Amino acid sequence: KTMVAIVEIFDQCARELEINGYSILPLSSLLRHRSEKQTSSISQAFDSARRALDVISDNKNAAPLIDPSSDSGSWTGYHNAAVVNGRYNQFREGFVFSNGDMFDVALSGEPDCSFEHEMNDLFGA
């Protein structure tokens, strides 16, 4: 039953990608079907992303900046909130990971925490 629910979530994602070019899925939909360890990895990754966004707000060179004129199908890096990054991202900043590419953001004051490690854990969850 759990596998069927997960397939339905990703089918919904695929439909929205085809129609809109993006998909918005509530995190709660994925968390319902994950183990405690997987849920913890997801939570830690979002905490790291929040801290990384704080670092980037002080230093725009802390992460690779996405060039909005490049092919969005291979974007990996940070995008700021701007209409040039697409209508969807006009008021949203965030991270994009494509084609298995990864990057790190130095999280100040937290030597044991690695943004890249947390993101890899998220994608493995």
N, C-alpha and C. Protein backbone atom coordinates (compact mmCIF):
# COMPACT_ATOMS: atom_id res chain seq x y z
N LYS A 1 0.82 -1.19 0.00
CA LYS A 1 0.00 0.00 0.00
C LYS A 1 0.87 1.26 0.00
N THR A 2 1.95 1.27 0.77
CA THR A 2 2.84 2.42 0.84
C THR A 2 3.47 2.70 -0.52
N MET A 3 3.90 1.66 -1.22
CA MET A 3 4.53 1.84 -2.52
C MET A 3 3.53 2.43 -3.51
N VAL A 4 2.28 2.02 -3.45
CA VAL A 4 1.25 2.56 -4.33
C VAL A 4 1.08 4.05 -4.07
N ALA A 5 1.06 4.46 -2.81
CA ALA A 5 0.90 5.87 -2.45
C ALA A 5 2.08 6.70 -2.97
N ILE A 6 3.28 6.17 -2.86
CA ILE A 6 4.46 6.88 -3.34
C ILE A 6 4.41 7.02 -4.86
N VAL A 7 4.01 5.96 -5.55
CA VAL A 7 3.88 6.01 -7.01
C VAL A 7 2.85 7.08 -7.39
N GLU A 8 1.75 7.16 -6.67
CA GLU A 8 0.72 8.16 -6.94
C GLU A 8 1.28 9.57 -6.77
N ILE A 9 2.09 9.79 -5.74
CA ILE A 9 2.70 11.10 -5.50
C ILE A 9 3.59 11.49 -6.68
N PHE A 10 4.41 10.56 -7.14
CA PHE A 10 5.31 10.88 -8.24
C PHE A 10 4.58 10.96 -9.58
N ASP A 11 3.46 10.23 -9.73
CA ASP A 11 2.63 10.39 -10.92
C ASP A 11 2.04 11.81 -10.95
N GLN A 12 1.60 12.28 -9.79
CA GLN A 12 1.08 13.65 -9.68
C GLN A 12 2.17 14.65 -10.06
N CYS A 13 3.36 14.41 -9.56
CA CYS A 13 4.50 15.28 -9.86
C CYS A 13 4.76 15.31 -11.36
N ALA A 14 4.76 14.17 -12.01
CA ALA A 14 5.02 14.08 -13.45
C ALA A 14 3.94 14.83 -14.24
N ARG A 15 2.67 14.66 -13.84
CA ARG A 15 1.58 15.36 -14.53
C ARG A 15 1.76 16.88 -14.43
N GLU A 16 2.08 17.36 -13.22
CA GLU A 16 2.25 18.80 -13.02
C GLU A 16 3.46 19.33 -13.78
N LEU A 17 4.53 18.54 -13.85
CA LEU A 17 5.70 18.96 -14.63
C LEU A 17 5.34 19.09 -16.10
N GLU A 18 4.56 18.15 -16.62
CA GLU A 18 4.16 18.21 -18.03
C GLU A 18 3.28 19.42 -18.32
N ILE A 19 2.38 19.72 -17.41
CA ILE A 19 1.42 20.81 -17.62
C ILE A 19 2.04 22.18 -17.33
N ASN A 20 2.72 22.29 -16.18
CA ASN A 20 3.18 23.59 -15.69
C ASN A 20 4.66 23.86 -15.89
N GLY A 21 5.44 22.80 -16.04
CA GLY A 21 6.89 22.97 -16.08
C GLY A 21 7.50 22.91 -14.69
N TYR A 22 6.70 22.77 -13.67
CA TYR A 22 7.15 22.61 -12.28
C TYR A 22 6.08 21.85 -11.52
N SER A 23 6.44 21.41 -10.33
CA SER A 23 5.48 20.69 -9.50
C SER A 23 5.67 21.11 -8.05
N ILE A 24 4.59 21.26 -7.37
CA ILE A 24 4.63 21.58 -5.94
C ILE A 24 3.99 20.41 -5.20
N LEU A 25 4.78 19.76 -4.38
CA LEU A 25 4.28 18.65 -3.59
C LEU A 25 4.43 18.98 -2.12
N PRO A 26 3.40 18.80 -1.33
CA PRO A 26 3.55 19.03 0.12
C PRO A 26 4.54 18.02 0.70
N LEU A 27 5.47 18.52 1.47
CA LEU A 27 6.45 17.65 2.11
C LEU A 27 5.75 16.59 2.96
N SER A 28 4.63 16.93 3.54
CA SER A 28 3.90 15.98 4.38
C SER A 28 3.49 14.74 3.58
N SER A 29 3.25 14.89 2.29
CA SER A 29 2.89 13.73 1.45
C SER A 29 4.01 12.72 1.41
N LEU A 30 5.23 13.20 1.32
CA LEU A 30 6.39 12.30 1.28
C LEU A 30 6.71 11.75 2.66
N LEU A 31 6.59 12.60 3.68
CA LEU A 31 6.97 12.18 5.03
C LEU A 31 6.09 11.05 5.56
N ARG A 32 4.84 11.01 5.15
CA ARG A 32 3.93 9.95 5.63
C ARG A 32 4.43 8.56 5.27
N HIS A 33 5.24 8.46 4.24
CA HIS A 33 5.64 7.16 3.73
C HIS A 33 7.13 6.89 3.94
N ARG A 34 7.74 7.53 4.91
CA ARG A 34 9.18 7.39 5.17
C ARG A 34 9.41 6.86 6.58
N SER A 35 10.57 6.23 6.75
CA SER A 35 10.96 5.75 8.07
C SER A 35 11.38 6.95 8.92
N GLU A 36 11.56 6.72 10.21
CA GLU A 36 11.99 7.80 11.11
C GLU A 36 13.35 8.36 10.69
N LYS A 37 14.27 7.48 10.28
CA LYS A 37 15.59 7.93 9.83
C LYS A 37 15.48 8.78 8.56
N GLN A 38 14.65 8.35 7.62
CA GLN A 38 14.47 9.12 6.39
C GLN A 38 13.83 10.48 6.69
N THR A 39 12.84 10.49 7.57
CA THR A 39 12.18 11.74 7.96
C THR A 39 13.17 12.67 8.62
N SER A 40 14.06 12.14 9.45
CA SER A 40 15.09 12.94 10.10
C SER A 40 16.04 13.54 9.07
N SER A 41 16.45 12.76 8.07
CA SER A 41 17.33 13.25 7.01
C SER A 41 16.68 14.40 6.25
N ILE A 42 15.40 14.27 5.97
CA ILE A 42 14.67 15.32 5.25
C ILE A 42 14.64 16.59 6.09
N SER A 43 14.32 16.46 7.36
CA SER A 43 14.26 17.61 8.26
C SER A 43 15.63 18.30 8.36
N GLN A 44 16.68 17.52 8.53
CA GLN A 44 18.04 18.08 8.63
C GLN A 44 18.43 18.80 7.36
N ALA A 45 18.07 18.26 6.21
CA ALA A 45 18.41 18.89 4.93
C ALA A 45 17.71 20.24 4.79
N PHE A 46 16.46 20.32 5.19
CA PHE A 46 15.75 21.60 5.10
C PHE A 46 16.33 22.61 6.08
N ASP A 47 16.75 22.16 7.26
CA ASP A 47 17.43 23.06 8.21
C ASP A 47 18.74 23.57 7.62
N SER A 48 19.50 22.70 6.98
CA SER A 48 20.76 23.11 6.34
C SER A 48 20.49 24.09 5.20
N ALA A 49 19.47 23.83 4.42
CA ALA A 49 19.13 24.74 3.32
C ALA A 49 18.76 26.12 3.85
N ARG A 50 18.02 26.16 4.94
CA ARG A 50 17.66 27.46 5.55
C ARG A 50 18.90 28.20 5.99
N ARG A 51 19.83 27.49 6.62
CA ARG A 51 21.09 28.12 7.07
C ARG A 51 21.93 28.55 5.87
N ALA A 52 21.94 27.74 4.82
CA ALA A 52 22.70 28.09 3.61
C ALA A 52 22.13 29.35 2.96
N LEU A 53 20.81 29.48 2.93
CA LEU A 53 20.21 30.70 2.39
C LEU A 53 20.62 31.92 3.20
N ASP A 54 20.73 31.76 4.51
CA ASP A 54 21.20 32.87 5.36
C ASP A 54 22.63 33.25 5.00
N VAL A 55 23.50 32.25 4.79
CA VAL A 55 24.89 32.50 4.41
C VAL A 55 24.93 33.24 3.07
N ILE A 56 24.12 32.79 2.12
CA ILE A 56 24.12 33.39 0.79
C ILE A 56 23.59 34.82 0.83
N SER A 57 22.66 35.11 1.73
CA SER A 57 22.14 36.48 1.82
C SER A 57 23.25 37.46 2.21
N ASP A 58 24.28 36.97 2.92
CA ASP A 58 25.42 37.80 3.30
C ASP A 58 26.54 37.75 2.28
N ASN A 59 26.61 36.65 1.49
CA ASN A 59 27.71 36.47 0.54
C ASN A 59 27.18 35.74 -0.69
N LYS A 60 26.86 36.49 -1.73
CA LYS A 60 26.28 35.90 -2.94
C LYS A 60 27.24 34.94 -3.65
N ASN A 61 28.53 34.96 -3.29
CA ASN A 61 29.50 34.05 -3.90
C ASN A 61 29.64 32.74 -3.13
N ALA A 62 28.81 32.53 -2.12
CA ALA A 62 28.92 31.33 -1.29
C ALA A 62 28.44 30.06 -2.00
N ALA A 63 27.71 30.21 -3.10
CA ALA A 63 27.20 29.06 -3.86
C ALA A 63 27.20 29.43 -5.34
N PRO A 64 27.25 28.45 -6.23
CA PRO A 64 27.18 28.76 -7.65
C PRO A 64 25.84 29.44 -7.98
N LEU A 65 25.91 30.58 -8.64
CA LEU A 65 24.71 31.32 -9.02
C LEU A 65 24.24 30.83 -10.39
N ILE A 66 22.96 30.49 -10.49
CA ILE A 66 22.40 30.00 -11.73
C ILE A 66 22.29 31.16 -12.72
N ASP A 67 22.77 30.92 -13.93
CA ASP A 67 22.65 31.89 -15.01
C ASP A 67 21.28 31.68 -15.66
N PRO A 68 20.35 32.63 -15.50
CA PRO A 68 19.00 32.43 -16.03
C PRO A 68 18.93 32.32 -17.55
N SER A 69 19.99 32.71 -18.24
CA SER A 69 19.97 32.59 -19.70
C SER A 69 20.41 31.20 -20.16
N SER A 70 20.86 30.36 -19.23
CA SER A 70 21.29 29.01 -19.60
C SER A 70 20.10 28.05 -19.61
N ASP A 71 20.32 26.85 -20.12
CA ASP A 71 19.29 25.82 -20.21
C ASP A 71 18.89 25.37 -18.81
N SER A 72 17.65 25.63 -18.43
CA SER A 72 17.19 25.30 -17.07
C SER A 72 17.18 23.80 -16.81
N GLY A 73 17.25 22.99 -17.85
CA GLY A 73 17.28 21.54 -17.68
C GLY A 73 18.56 21.03 -17.06
N SER A 74 19.58 21.87 -17.01
CA SER A 74 20.85 21.43 -16.42
C SER A 74 21.32 22.39 -15.33
N TRP A 75 20.41 23.14 -14.75
CA TRP A 75 20.78 24.06 -13.68
C TRP A 75 21.20 23.31 -12.43
N THR A 76 22.27 23.75 -11.81
CA THR A 76 22.66 23.33 -10.47
C THR A 76 23.24 24.55 -9.79
N GLY A 77 22.68 24.91 -8.66
CA GLY A 77 23.17 26.07 -7.92
C GLY A 77 22.05 26.80 -7.22
N TYR A 78 22.29 28.07 -6.94
CA TYR A 78 21.35 28.93 -6.23
C TYR A 78 20.69 29.88 -7.21
N HIS A 79 19.40 30.10 -7.06
CA HIS A 79 18.74 31.15 -7.83
C HIS A 79 18.10 32.13 -6.86
N ASN A 80 18.27 33.42 -7.16
CA ASN A 80 17.63 34.42 -6.31
C ASN A 80 16.19 34.61 -6.76
N ALA A 81 15.46 35.38 -6.00
CA ALA A 81 14.06 35.66 -6.34
C ALA A 81 14.05 36.77 -7.36
N ALA A 82 13.71 36.43 -8.60
CA ALA A 82 13.68 37.42 -9.68
C ALA A 82 12.85 36.88 -10.83
N VAL A 83 12.16 37.77 -11.50
CA VAL A 83 11.33 37.37 -12.64
C VAL A 83 12.18 36.76 -13.76
N VAL A 84 13.45 37.16 -13.83
CA VAL A 84 14.33 36.63 -14.87
C VAL A 84 14.53 35.12 -14.70
N ASN A 85 14.30 34.59 -13.49
CA ASN A 85 14.41 33.16 -13.23
C ASN A 85 13.09 32.43 -13.47
N GLY A 86 12.14 33.11 -14.09
CA GLY A 86 10.85 32.49 -14.39
C GLY A 86 9.77 33.01 -13.47
N ARG A 87 8.57 33.03 -13.98
CA ARG A 87 7.42 33.53 -13.21
C ARG A 87 7.30 32.82 -11.87
N TYR A 88 7.51 31.52 -11.88
CA TYR A 88 7.40 30.73 -10.65
C TYR A 88 8.38 31.20 -9.58
N ASN A 89 9.57 31.63 -9.99
CA ASN A 89 10.62 32.03 -9.03
C ASN A 89 10.69 33.54 -8.82
N GLN A 90 9.71 34.27 -9.27
CA GLN A 90 9.72 35.72 -9.14
C GLN A 90 9.87 36.15 -7.68
N PHE A 91 9.26 35.43 -6.77
CA PHE A 91 9.30 35.80 -5.35
C PHE A 91 9.93 34.70 -4.49
N ARG A 92 10.62 33.75 -5.12
CA ARG A 92 11.19 32.61 -4.39
C ARG A 92 12.65 32.44 -4.72
N GLU A 93 13.46 32.28 -3.70
CA GLU A 93 14.86 31.92 -3.92
C GLU A 93 15.01 30.45 -3.56
N GLY A 94 16.07 29.83 -4.04
CA GLY A 94 16.23 28.43 -3.69
C GLY A 94 17.39 27.77 -4.39
N PHE A 95 17.45 26.47 -4.22
CA PHE A 95 18.52 25.65 -4.78
C PHE A 95 17.95 24.70 -5.81
N VAL A 96 18.74 24.44 -6.84
CA VAL A 96 18.37 23.50 -7.88
C VAL A 96 19.54 22.53 -8.06
N PHE A 97 19.22 21.25 -8.17
CA PHE A 97 20.24 20.22 -8.39
C PHE A 97 19.81 19.43 -9.62
N SER A 98 20.65 19.40 -10.64
CA SER A 98 20.31 18.67 -11.87
C SER A 98 21.41 17.68 -12.22
N ASN A 99 20.99 16.60 -12.85
CA ASN A 99 21.92 15.63 -13.44
C ASN A 99 22.92 15.06 -12.44
N GLY A 100 22.53 14.95 -11.17
CA GLY A 100 23.42 14.40 -10.16
C GLY A 100 24.49 15.35 -9.67
N ASP A 101 24.50 16.60 -10.18
CA ASP A 101 25.50 17.57 -9.74
C ASP A 101 25.19 18.06 -8.33
N MET A 102 26.23 18.41 -7.62
CA MET A 102 26.09 18.84 -6.22
C MET A 102 27.09 19.96 -5.97
N PHE A 103 26.85 20.73 -4.95
CA PHE A 103 27.78 21.78 -4.53
C PHE A 103 27.67 21.92 -3.02
N ASP A 104 28.57 22.67 -2.42
CA ASP A 104 28.57 22.86 -0.98
C ASP A 104 28.44 24.34 -0.67
N VAL A 105 27.93 24.64 0.50
CA VAL A 105 27.89 26.00 1.04
C VAL A 105 28.50 25.90 2.42
N ALA A 106 29.51 26.71 2.69
CA ALA A 106 30.16 26.68 4.01
C ALA A 106 29.21 27.28 5.04
N LEU A 107 28.74 26.45 5.95
CA LEU A 107 27.84 26.92 7.00
C LEU A 107 28.66 27.40 8.18
N SER A 108 28.76 28.70 8.32
CA SER A 108 29.63 29.30 9.33
C SER A 108 29.24 28.87 10.74
N GLY A 109 30.26 28.61 11.53
CA GLY A 109 30.06 28.24 12.93
C GLY A 109 29.62 26.81 13.14
N GLU A 110 29.55 26.02 12.09
CA GLU A 110 29.09 24.64 12.23
C GLU A 110 30.00 23.70 11.47
N PRO A 111 31.21 23.46 12.01
CA PRO A 111 32.18 22.65 11.27
C PRO A 111 31.73 21.21 11.03
N ASP A 112 30.85 20.67 11.86
CA ASP A 112 30.42 19.28 11.71
C ASP A 112 29.24 19.15 10.75
N CYS A 113 28.72 20.27 10.27
CA CYS A 113 27.56 20.23 9.40
C CYS A 113 27.97 20.61 7.98
N SER A 114 27.62 19.77 7.04
CA SER A 114 27.95 20.01 5.64
C SER A 114 26.66 20.10 4.83
N PHE A 115 26.45 21.22 4.17
CA PHE A 115 25.29 21.39 3.30
C PHE A 115 25.25 20.26 2.26
N GLU A 116 26.39 20.02 1.63
CA GLU A 116 26.46 18.99 0.58
C GLU A 116 26.09 17.62 1.14
N HIS A 117 26.61 17.28 2.31
CA HIS A 117 26.30 15.99 2.95
C HIS A 117 24.81 15.88 3.23
N GLU A 118 24.22 16.95 3.79
CA GLU A 118 22.79 16.93 4.11
C GLU A 118 21.94 16.78 2.84
N MET A 119 22.34 17.44 1.75
CA MET A 119 21.60 17.33 0.49
C MET A 119 21.70 15.92 -0.09
N ASN A 120 22.89 15.33 0.00
CA ASN A 120 23.06 13.95 -0.48
C ASN A 120 22.19 13.00 0.33
N ASP A 121 22.12 13.22 1.65
CA ASP A 121 21.25 12.39 2.49
C ASP A 121 19.78 12.56 2.09
N LEU A 122 19.40 13.81 1.78
CA LEU A 122 18.02 14.08 1.37
C LEU A 122 17.68 13.29 0.11
N PHE A 123 18.56 13.33 -0.88
CA PHE A 123 18.27 12.66 -2.13
C PHE A 123 18.31 11.14 -1.98
N GLY A 124 18.98 10.65 -0.95
CA GLY A 124 19.01 9.22 -0.70
C GLY A 124 17.87 8.73 0.15
N ALA A 125 17.10 9.67 0.74
CA ALA A 125 16.01 9.31 1.67
C ALA A 125 14.81 8.76 0.93
